[in-house]
C-alpha cells in the first residue's frame, strides 16, 4: 500500500477512539479490516496484500480495530468480540460517508466482522472478500479458543513486553518459513492485548443457518497449515454461503496473487 494517505480521522464509541482514513474518489467504495494483533501498518509490512491496488482509485476506507495500531480501547474482552467488530464496521461505514453498498475485504477478525455486519445490514454490502476466516464452531476442548486464552494468561503473567519478546522468537507459520516479512510484531496496545485475545476467544462465527442467508457474492481466500485459520472453516463457509467461491494458497507466491484476484473479483 502506498504511503500517500490522508491523515487519520477518529470515530469515538464506548471509550474507544478508532482511527480511520478515507482515500480515493471513485465508486463503488471499498473498505478493508485487519485481524487481531495486526493493524493497517502491520498489514502493509507483511507485503502480501495491497489494499490500495485492490481499490484501484475508488474511495477506500482503512481503519485500525479497537486497541490496535493508532486506535485506543478499553481493556475489557467484550469490546473485542467478532460481533462488536461487526458493529464497529457498520459505524465506520457511516462515519466515512459511504451511503451506497461497499465492496468489503476483511482478514481473520475483519472477515468475522464482515459476516456479522452483512447479517445486520445486508444492503450495505455489494461484494465480500473473506481472507483467512478464523476457526469456528469448534467442538470438544476448543483448542483454538484455548490458545487465545492461554496467550492472554501469558501476557498477564509475564507482562506485555516479555510476551512480545517471546513472540519474536517463535517460529512463523509453515507457509511463511522462507519469507522473513511473515514475522510480524503485534501492533496492539499493551494494556488491551490480553483483553483483545479473550474477546476473540469468547467469539464464534454466526450460526450456519444465518450464513446461508447472506446473498452477497463472496470470495474466500484461505491458506494451509494455520490452526487459527483452518481450511475447514473456509470450506464450510464456501458450502454454506450460496454465492461463495473458495481459493486456497499453499505457498507465499500463491498468497501474493490475492491482490490481483481480489481486485478482479471486486471490479465495478
C-alpha atoms as a PDB file:
ATOM      1  CA  UNK A   1       0.000   0.000   0.000  1.00  0.00           C
ATOM      2  CA  UNK A   2       1.183   3.489  -0.758  1.00  0.00           C
ATOM      3  CA  UNK A   3       2.259   5.903   1.925  1.00  0.00           C
ATOM      4  CA  UNK A   4       0.356   8.738   0.180  1.00  0.00           C
ATOM      5  CA  UNK A   5      -2.609   8.665   2.504  1.00  0.00           C
ATOM      6  CA  UNK A   6      -4.808  11.206   4.195  1.00  0.00           C
ATOM      7  CA  UNK A   7      -4.461  11.969   7.879  1.00  0.00           C
ATOM      8  CA  UNK A   8      -6.376   9.864  10.359  1.00  0.00           C
ATOM      9  CA  UNK A   9      -9.861  10.718  11.451  1.00  0.00           C
ATOM     10  CA  UNK A  10     -11.354   9.209  14.608  1.00  0.00           C
ATOM     11  CA  UNK A  11     -14.658   7.558  15.408  1.00  0.00           C
ATOM     12  CA  UNK A  12     -15.457   7.615  19.129  1.00  0.00           C
ATOM     13  CA  UNK A  13     -17.526   4.846  20.712  1.00  0.00           C
ATOM     14  CA  UNK A  14     -17.642   3.087  24.096  1.00  0.00           C
ATOM     15  CA  UNK A  15     -14.448   4.682  25.336  1.00  0.00           C
ATOM     16  CA  UNK A  16     -12.517   3.882  22.153  1.00  0.00           C
ATOM     17  CA  UNK A  17     -11.032   6.202  19.547  1.00  0.00           C
ATOM     18  CA  UNK A  18     -10.983   4.235  16.288  1.00  0.00           C
ATOM     19  CA  UNK A  19      -8.535   5.639  13.736  1.00  0.00           C
ATOM     20  CA  UNK A  20      -9.539   5.541  10.076  1.00  0.00           C
ATOM     21  CA  UNK A  21      -8.706   7.039   6.687  1.00  0.00           C
ATOM     22  CA  UNK A  22     -10.698   7.589   3.509  1.00  0.00           C
ATOM     23  CA  UNK A  23      -8.774   7.920   0.250  1.00  0.00           C
ATOM     24  CA  UNK A  24      -9.671   7.950  -3.431  1.00  0.00           C
ATOM     25  CA  UNK A  25     -12.738   9.230  -5.232  1.00  0.00           C
ATOM     26  CA  UNK A  26     -14.395   6.528  -7.339  1.00  0.00           C
ATOM     27  CA  UNK A  27     -17.338   4.238  -6.692  1.00  0.00           C
ATOM     28  CA  UNK A  28     -18.411   1.741  -5.554  1.00  0.00           C
ATOM     29  CA  UNK A  29     -16.383   2.331  -2.397  1.00  0.00           C
ATOM     30  CA  UNK A  30     -14.069  -0.275  -0.890  1.00  0.00           C
ATOM     31  CA  UNK A  31     -13.272  -0.982   2.767  1.00  0.00           C
ATOM     32  CA  UNK A  32     -10.781  -3.283   4.492  1.00  0.00           C
ATOM     33  CA  UNK A  33     -10.351  -4.520   8.077  1.00  0.00           C
ATOM     34  CA  UNK A  34      -7.356  -6.388   9.530  1.00  0.00           C
ATOM     35  CA  UNK A  35      -7.148  -9.219  12.038  1.00  0.00           C
ATOM     36  CA  UNK A  36      -6.444  -9.346  15.767  1.00  0.00           C
ATOM     37  CA  UNK A  37      -2.933  -8.236  16.840  1.00  0.00           C
ATOM     38  CA  UNK A  38      -2.398  -6.532  13.459  1.00  0.00           C
ATOM     39  CA  UNK A  39      -3.067  -3.016  12.123  1.00  0.00           C
ATOM     40  CA  UNK A  40      -3.055  -1.094   8.857  1.00  0.00           C
ATOM     41  CA  UNK A  41       0.702  -0.630   9.185  1.00  0.00           C
ATOM     42  CA  UNK A  42       1.317  -4.278  10.088  1.00  0.00           C
ATOM     43  CA  UNK A  43      -0.627  -5.482   7.044  1.00  0.00           C
ATOM     44  CA  UNK A  44       1.442  -3.157   4.876  1.00  0.00           C
ATOM     45  CA  UNK A  45       4.622  -4.520   6.436  1.00  0.00           C
ATOM     46  CA  UNK A  46       3.729  -8.111   5.581  1.00  0.00           C
ATOM     47  CA  UNK A  47       3.901  -7.190   1.911  1.00  0.00           C
ATOM     48  CA  UNK A  48       1.386  -9.793   0.743  1.00  0.00           C
ATOM     49  CA  UNK A  49      -1.800  -7.757   0.259  1.00  0.00           C
ATOM     50  CA  UNK A  50      -2.007  -4.326  -1.392  1.00  0.00           C
ATOM     51  CA  UNK A  51      -5.415  -2.982  -0.463  1.00  0.00           C
ATOM     52  CA  UNK A  52      -4.905   0.280  -2.331  1.00  0.00           C
ATOM     53  CA  UNK A  53      -4.240  -1.678  -5.516  1.00  0.00           C
ATOM     54  CA  UNK A  54      -7.439  -3.629  -4.923  1.00  0.00           C
ATOM     55  CA  UNK A  55      -9.400  -0.383  -4.585  1.00  0.00           C
ATOM     56  CA  UNK A  56      -7.771   0.967  -7.771  1.00  0.00           C
ATOM     57  CA  UNK A  57      -8.596   4.634  -7.184  1.00  0.00           C
ATOM     58  CA  UNK A  58     -12.040   4.110  -5.721  1.00  0.00           C
ATOM     59  CA  UNK A  59     -12.912   5.523  -2.314  1.00  0.00           C
ATOM     60  CA  UNK A  60     -11.152   3.353   0.240  1.00  0.00           C
ATOM     61  CA  UNK A  61     -11.815   3.091   3.974  1.00  0.00           C
ATOM     62  CA  UNK A  62      -8.962   1.691   6.059  1.00  0.00           C
ATOM     63  CA  UNK A  63      -9.011   1.561   9.846  1.00  0.00           C
ATOM     64  CA  UNK A  64      -7.311   0.110  12.892  1.00  0.00           C
ATOM     65  CA  UNK A  65      -9.500  -2.149  15.010  1.00  0.00           C
ATOM     66  CA  UNK A  66     -10.124  -1.040  18.599  1.00  0.00           C
ATOM     67  CA  UNK A  67      -6.957  -1.093  20.671  1.00  0.00           C
ATOM     68  CA  UNK A  68      -4.780  -1.781  17.611  1.00  0.00           C
ATOM     69  CA  UNK A  69      -2.422   0.480  15.701  1.00  0.00           C
ATOM     70  CA  UNK A  70      -3.465   4.103  16.172  1.00  0.00           C
ATOM     71  CA  UNK A  71      -6.790   3.189  17.804  1.00  0.00           C
ATOM     72  CA  UNK A  72      -7.437   3.041  21.524  1.00  0.00           C
ATOM     73  CA  UNK A  73      -9.812   0.872  23.506  1.00  0.00           C
ATOM     74  CA  UNK A  74     -10.829  -0.272  26.940  1.00  0.00           C
ATOM     75  CA  UNK A  75      -9.151  -3.379  28.431  1.00  0.00           C
ATOM     76  CA  UNK A  76     -12.363  -5.403  28.564  1.00  0.00           C
ATOM     77  CA  UNK A  77     -12.912  -8.525  26.415  1.00  0.00           C
ATOM     78  CA  UNK A  78     -16.474  -7.661  25.397  1.00  0.00           C
ATOM     79  CA  UNK A  79     -15.162  -4.837  23.201  1.00  0.00           C
ATOM     80  CA  UNK A  80     -13.078  -7.223  21.061  1.00  0.00           C
ATOM     81  CA  UNK A  81     -15.591  -9.878  20.032  1.00  0.00           C
ATOM     82  CA  UNK A  82     -16.480 -10.721  16.451  1.00  0.00           C
ATOM     83  CA  UNK A  83     -19.931  -9.209  16.978  1.00  0.00           C
ATOM     84  CA  UNK A  84     -18.518  -5.918  18.279  1.00  0.00           C
ATOM     85  CA  UNK A  85     -16.132  -5.759  15.331  1.00  0.00           C
ATOM     86  CA  UNK A  86     -19.184  -6.000  13.078  1.00  0.00           C
ATOM     87  CA  UNK A  87     -20.856  -3.129  14.911  1.00  0.00           C
ATOM     88  CA  UNK A  88     -17.698  -1.035  14.583  1.00  0.00           C
ATOM     89  CA  UNK A  89     -17.538  -1.787  10.866  1.00  0.00           C
ATOM     90  CA  UNK A  90     -21.074  -0.543  10.247  1.00  0.00           C
ATOM     91  CA  UNK A  91     -20.418   2.562  12.357  1.00  0.00           C
ATOM     92  CA  UNK A  92     -17.265   3.328  10.376  1.00  0.00           C
ATOM     93  CA  UNK A  93     -19.039   2.963   7.035  1.00  0.00           C
ATOM     94  CA  UNK A  94     -21.443   5.621   8.281  1.00  0.00           C
ATOM     95  CA  UNK A  95     -18.642   7.819   9.634  1.00  0.00           C
ATOM     96  CA  UNK A  96     -16.870   7.581   6.274  1.00  0.00           C
ATOM     97  CA  UNK A  97     -20.000   8.757   4.483  1.00  0.00           C
ATOM     98  CA  UNK A  98     -20.422   5.544   2.490  1.00  0.00           C
ATOM     99  CA  UNK A  99     -24.122   5.524   1.672  1.00  0.00           C
ATOM    100  CA  UNK A 100     -24.035   3.117  -1.278  1.00  0.00           C
ATOM    101  CA  UNK A 101     -23.205  -0.605  -0.975  1.00  0.00           C
ATOM    102  CA  UNK A 102     -19.486  -1.232  -0.469  1.00  0.00           C
ATOM    103  CA  UNK A 103     -17.030  -3.867  -1.580  1.00  0.00           C
ATOM    104  CA  UNK A 104     -15.541  -5.140   1.667  1.00  0.00           C
ATOM    105  CA  UNK A 105     -12.440  -7.223   2.335  1.00  0.00           C
ATOM    106  CA  UNK A 106     -11.511  -8.456   5.786  1.00  0.00           C
ATOM    107  CA  UNK A 107      -8.798 -10.702   7.217  1.00  0.00           C
ATOM    108  CA  UNK A 108      -9.483 -13.047  10.149  1.00  0.00           C
ATOM    109  CA  UNK A 109     -11.225 -10.784  12.698  1.00  0.00           C
ATOM    110  CA  UNK A 110     -12.047  -8.483   9.788  1.00  0.00           C
ATOM    111  CA  UNK A 111     -13.682 -11.389   7.946  1.00  0.00           C
ATOM    112  CA  UNK A 112     -15.753 -12.221  11.018  1.00  0.00           C
ATOM    113  CA  UNK A 113     -16.789  -8.569  11.280  1.00  0.00           C
ATOM    114  CA  UNK A 114     -17.960  -8.669   7.667  1.00  0.00           C
ATOM    115  CA  UNK A 115     -20.192 -11.675   8.282  1.00  0.00           C
ATOM    116  CA  UNK A 116     -21.883 -10.163  11.321  1.00  0.00           C
ATOM    117  CA  UNK A 117     -22.298  -6.793   9.617  1.00  0.00           C
ATOM    118  CA  UNK A 118     -23.711  -8.378   6.452  1.00  0.00           C
ATOM    119  CA  UNK A 119     -26.341 -10.176   8.516  1.00  0.00           C
ATOM    120  CA  UNK A 120     -27.394  -6.982  10.290  1.00  0.00           C
ATOM    121  CA  UNK A 121     -27.320  -4.707   7.230  1.00  0.00           C
ATOM    122  CA  UNK A 122     -27.077  -6.725   4.003  1.00  0.00           C
ATOM    123  CA  UNK A 123     -27.975  -3.683   1.922  1.00  0.00           C
ATOM    124  CA  UNK A 124     -24.649  -2.083   2.818  1.00  0.00           C
ATOM    125  CA  UNK A 125     -22.509  -4.663   1.013  1.00  0.00           C
ATOM    126  CA  UNK A 126     -22.105  -5.287  -2.714  1.00  0.00           C
ATOM    127  CA  UNK A 127     -19.417  -7.981  -2.571  1.00  0.00           C
ATOM    128  CA  UNK A 128     -17.298  -9.589   0.158  1.00  0.00           C
ATOM    129  CA  UNK A 129     -13.746 -10.918   0.240  1.00  0.00           C
ATOM    130  CA  UNK A 130     -13.081 -13.060   3.314  1.00  0.00           C
ATOM    131  CA  UNK A 131      -9.361 -13.655   3.868  1.00  0.00           C
ATOM    132  CA  UNK A 132      -8.229 -16.443   6.225  1.00  0.00           C
ATOM    133  CA  UNK A 133     -11.539 -16.800   8.094  1.00  0.00           C
ATOM    134  CA  UNK A 134     -10.972 -17.662  11.769  1.00  0.00           C
ATOM    135  CA  UNK A 135     -11.653 -21.006  13.402  1.00  0.00           C
ATOM    136  CA  UNK A 136     -15.339 -21.517  14.111  1.00  0.00           C
ATOM    137  CA  UNK A 137     -17.872 -23.945  15.547  1.00  0.00           C
ATOM    138  CA  UNK A 138     -15.200 -25.856  17.449  1.00  0.00           C
ATOM    139  CA  UNK A 139     -16.245 -28.968  19.283  1.00  0.00           C
ATOM    140  CA  UNK A 140     -14.591 -30.826  22.108  1.00  0.00           C
ATOM    141  CA  UNK A 141     -11.979 -28.882  24.046  1.00  0.00           C
ATOM    142  CA  UNK A 142     -11.912 -25.998  21.507  1.00  0.00           C
ATOM    143  CA  UNK A 143      -8.117 -25.940  21.023  1.00  0.00           C
ATOM    144  CA  UNK A 144      -8.002 -22.642  19.133  1.00  0.00           C
ATOM    145  CA  UNK A 145     -10.102 -20.888  21.752  1.00  0.00           C
ATOM    146  CA  UNK A 146      -7.765 -22.291  24.407  1.00  0.00           C
ATOM    147  CA  UNK A 147      -4.706 -20.958  22.560  1.00  0.00           C
ATOM    148  CA  UNK A 148      -6.108 -17.428  22.739  1.00  0.00           C
ATOM    149  CA  UNK A 149      -6.946 -17.814  26.426  1.00  0.00           C
ATOM    150  CA  UNK A 150      -3.527 -19.270  27.238  1.00  0.00           C
ATOM    151  CA  UNK A 151      -1.804 -16.426  25.392  1.00  0.00           C
ATOM    152  CA  UNK A 152      -3.872 -13.863  27.289  1.00  0.00           C
ATOM    153  CA  UNK A 153      -2.905 -15.541  30.570  1.00  0.00           C
ATOM    154  CA  UNK A 154       0.739 -15.468  29.482  1.00  0.00           C
ATOM    155  CA  UNK A 155       0.537 -11.701  28.931  1.00  0.00           C
ATOM    156  CA  UNK A 156      -0.945 -11.264  32.399  1.00  0.00           C
ATOM    157  CA  UNK A 157       1.734 -13.485  33.948  1.00  0.00           C
ATOM    158  CA  UNK A 158       4.924 -12.156  32.326  1.00  0.00           C
ATOM    159  CA  UNK A 159       3.872  -8.743  31.022  1.00  0.00           C
ATOM    160  CA  UNK A 160       3.331  -7.485  27.504  1.00  0.00           C
ATOM    161  CA  UNK A 161       6.991  -6.638  26.892  1.00  0.00           C
ATOM    162  CA  UNK A 162       8.238 -10.146  27.704  1.00  0.00           C
ATOM    163  CA  UNK A 163       5.384 -11.641  25.687  1.00  0.00           C
ATOM    164  CA  UNK A 164       6.436  -9.602  22.667  1.00  0.00           C
ATOM    165  CA  UNK A 165       9.994 -10.903  23.038  1.00  0.00           C
ATOM    166  CA  UNK A 166       8.748 -14.492  23.115  1.00  0.00           C
ATOM    167  CA  UNK A 167       6.550 -13.800  20.097  1.00  0.00           C
ATOM    168  CA  UNK A 168       9.567 -12.548  18.138  1.00  0.00           C
ATOM    169  CA  UNK A 169      11.434 -15.795  18.874  1.00  0.00           C
ATOM    170  CA  UNK A 170       8.565 -18.134  17.934  1.00  0.00           C
ATOM    171  CA  UNK A 171       8.682 -19.921  14.561  1.00  0.00           C
ATOM    172  CA  UNK A 172       6.481 -18.472  11.804  1.00  0.00           C
ATOM    173  CA  UNK A 173       3.601 -20.300  10.187  1.00  0.00           C
ATOM    174  CA  UNK A 174       4.867 -23.020   7.828  1.00  0.00           C
ATOM    175  CA  UNK A 175       3.694 -21.082   4.786  1.00  0.00           C
ATOM    176  CA  UNK A 176       5.973 -18.188   5.833  1.00  0.00           C
ATOM    177  CA  UNK A 177       9.010 -20.307   6.783  1.00  0.00           C
ATOM    178  CA  UNK A 178      11.140 -18.836   3.983  1.00  0.00           C
ATOM    179  CA  UNK A 179       9.511 -15.398   3.958  1.00  0.00           C
ATOM    180  CA  UNK A 180      11.103 -13.067   6.556  1.00  0.00           C
ATOM    181  CA  UNK A 181       8.341 -10.390   6.368  1.00  0.00           C
ATOM    182  CA  UNK A 182       5.930 -13.087   7.539  1.00  0.00           C
ATOM    183  CA  UNK A 183       7.270 -12.482  11.023  1.00  0.00           C
ATOM    184  CA  UNK A 184       5.358  -9.516  12.399  1.00  0.00           C
ATOM    185  CA  UNK A 185       5.341  -7.681  15.700  1.00  0.00           C
ATOM    186  CA  UNK A 186       1.890  -7.481  17.310  1.00  0.00           C
ATOM    187  CA  UNK A 187       0.545  -3.959  16.815  1.00  0.00           C
ATOM    188  CA  UNK A 188      -1.846  -3.885  19.747  1.00  0.00           C
ATOM    189  CA  UNK A 189      -1.700  -1.775  22.880  1.00  0.00           C
ATOM    190  CA  UNK A 190      -0.013  -3.396  25.876  1.00  0.00           C
ATOM    191  CA  UNK A 191      -2.970  -2.517  28.080  1.00  0.00           C
ATOM    192  CA  UNK A 192      -5.549  -4.205  25.836  1.00  0.00           C
ATOM    193  CA  UNK A 193      -3.631  -7.148  24.332  1.00  0.00           C
ATOM    194  CA  UNK A 194      -4.915  -9.754  26.790  1.00  0.00           C
ATOM    195  CA  UNK A 195      -8.468  -8.407  26.609  1.00  0.00           C
ATOM    196  CA  UNK A 196      -8.415  -8.490  22.809  1.00  0.00           C
ATOM    197  CA  UNK A 197      -7.349 -12.137  22.820  1.00  0.00           C
ATOM    198  CA  UNK A 198     -10.017 -13.057  25.358  1.00  0.00           C
ATOM    199  CA  UNK A 199     -12.611 -11.253  23.272  1.00  0.00           C
ATOM    200  CA  UNK A 200     -11.694 -13.339  20.245  1.00  0.00           C
ATOM    201  CA  UNK A 201     -11.635 -16.497  22.383  1.00  0.00           C
ATOM    202  CA  UNK A 202     -15.191 -15.806  23.509  1.00  0.00           C
ATOM    203  CA  UNK A 203     -16.417 -15.319  19.938  1.00  0.00           C
ATOM    204  CA  UNK A 204     -17.721 -17.556  17.206  1.00  0.00           C
ATOM    205  CA  UNK A 205     -18.835 -17.033  13.638  1.00  0.00           C
ATOM    206  CA  UNK A 206     -22.581 -16.718  13.030  1.00  0.00           C
ATOM    207  CA  UNK A 207     -24.702 -19.849  13.019  1.00  0.00           C
ATOM    208  CA  UNK A 208     -24.597 -21.842   9.780  1.00  0.00           C
ATOM    209  CA  UNK A 209     -28.290 -21.250   9.106  1.00  0.00           C
ATOM    210  CA  UNK A 210     -27.745 -17.491   9.313  1.00  0.00           C
ATOM    211  CA  UNK A 211     -24.744 -17.574   6.998  1.00  0.00           C
ATOM    212  CA  UNK A 212     -26.833 -19.339   4.374  1.00  0.00           C
ATOM    213  CA  UNK A 213     -28.931 -16.163   4.090  1.00  0.00           C
ATOM    214  CA  UNK A 214     -26.013 -13.929   3.018  1.00  0.00           C
ATOM    215  CA  UNK A 215     -26.596 -13.345  -0.683  1.00  0.00           C
ATOM    216  CA  UNK A 216     -23.655 -11.064  -1.496  1.00  0.00           C
ATOM    217  CA  UNK A 217     -21.165 -12.568  -3.966  1.00  0.00           C
ATOM    218  CA  UNK A 218     -18.283 -13.705  -1.766  1.00  0.00           C
ATOM    219  CA  UNK A 219     -14.686 -14.709  -2.432  1.00  0.00           C
ATOM    220  CA  UNK A 220     -12.993 -16.738   0.307  1.00  0.00           C
ATOM    221  CA  UNK A 221      -9.183 -16.739   0.316  1.00  0.00           C
ATOM    222  CA  UNK A 222      -7.544 -19.232   2.674  1.00  0.00           C
ATOM    223  CA  UNK A 223      -4.089 -20.649   3.254  1.00  0.00           C
ATOM    224  CA  UNK A 224      -2.917 -24.021   4.502  1.00  0.00           C
ATOM    225  CA  UNK A 225      -1.439 -25.168   7.824  1.00  0.00           C
ATOM    226  CA  UNK A 226      -2.704 -22.415  10.132  1.00  0.00           C
ATOM    227  CA  UNK A 227      -4.586 -23.727  13.205  1.00  0.00           C
ATOM    228  CA  UNK A 228      -6.109 -20.321  13.973  1.00  0.00           C
ATOM    229  CA  UNK A 229      -7.482 -20.092  10.418  1.00  0.00           C
ATOM    230  CA  UNK A 230      -8.189 -23.690   9.409  1.00  0.00           C
ATOM    231  CA  UNK A 231      -9.205 -24.714   5.926  1.00  0.00           C
ATOM    232  CA  UNK A 232     -12.194 -26.492   7.462  1.00  0.00           C
ATOM    233  CA  UNK A 233     -13.775 -23.136   8.316  1.00  0.00           C
ATOM    234  CA  UNK A 234     -13.148 -21.706   4.860  1.00  0.00           C
ATOM    235  CA  UNK A 235     -14.575 -24.793   3.182  1.00  0.00           C
ATOM    236  CA  UNK A 236     -17.675 -24.776   5.362  1.00  0.00           C
ATOM    237  CA  UNK A 237     -18.286 -21.095   4.628  1.00  0.00           C
ATOM    238  CA  UNK A 238     -17.980 -21.830   0.918  1.00  0.00           C
ATOM    239  CA  UNK A 239     -20.517 -24.621   1.294  1.00  0.00           C
ATOM    240  CA  UNK A 240     -22.970 -22.581   3.358  1.00  0.00           C
ATOM    241  CA  UNK A 241     -22.930 -19.235   1.561  1.00  0.00           C
ATOM    242  CA  UNK A 242     -24.949 -19.508  -1.655  1.00  0.00           C
ATOM    243  CA  UNK A 243     -22.754 -17.225  -3.788  1.00  0.00           C
ATOM    244  CA  UNK A 244     -19.312 -18.020  -2.348  1.00  0.00           C
ATOM    245  CA  UNK A 245     -16.211 -19.330  -4.085  1.00  0.00           C
ATOM    246  CA  UNK A 246     -13.019 -20.553  -2.401  1.00  0.00           C
ATOM    247  CA  UNK A 247      -9.334 -20.334  -3.347  1.00  0.00           C
ATOM    248  CA  UNK A 248      -6.624 -21.969  -1.244  1.00  0.00           C
ATOM    249  CA  UNK A 249      -2.951 -20.927  -1.215  1.00  0.00           C
ATOM    250  CA  UNK A 250      -0.172 -23.333  -0.277  1.00  0.00           C
ATOM    251  CA  UNK A 251       2.837 -21.033  -0.858  1.00  0.00           C
ATOM    252  CA  UNK A 252       3.705 -17.385  -0.278  1.00  0.00           C
ATOM    253  CA  UNK A 253       3.801 -16.837  -4.025  1.00  0.00           C
ATOM    254  CA  UNK A 254       0.202 -18.036  -4.240  1.00  0.00           C
ATOM    255  CA  UNK A 255      -0.787 -15.732  -1.374  1.00  0.00           C
ATOM    256  CA  UNK A 256       0.813 -12.824  -3.222  1.00  0.00           C
ATOM    257  CA  UNK A 257      -1.645 -13.355  -6.093  1.00  0.00           C
ATOM    258  CA  UNK A 258      -4.511 -12.458  -3.769  1.00  0.00           C
ATOM    259  CA  UNK A 259      -4.256  -8.738  -4.525  1.00  0.00           C
ATOM    260  CA  UNK A 260      -4.924  -9.327  -8.221  1.00  0.00           C
ATOM    261  CA  UNK A 261      -7.528 -11.999  -7.527  1.00  0.00           C
ATOM    262  CA  UNK A 262      -9.457  -9.746  -5.142  1.00  0.00           C
ATOM    263  CA  UNK A 263      -9.147  -6.752  -7.474  1.00  0.00           C
ATOM    264  CA  UNK A 264     -10.648  -8.742 -10.344  1.00  0.00           C
ATOM    265  CA  UNK A 265     -13.448 -10.077  -8.144  1.00  0.00           C
ATOM    266  CA  UNK A 266     -14.349  -6.590  -6.883  1.00  0.00           C
ATOM    267  CA  UNK A 267     -14.140  -4.878 -10.267  1.00  0.00           C
ATOM    268  CA  UNK A 268     -17.027  -2.390 -10.676  1.00  0.00           C
END
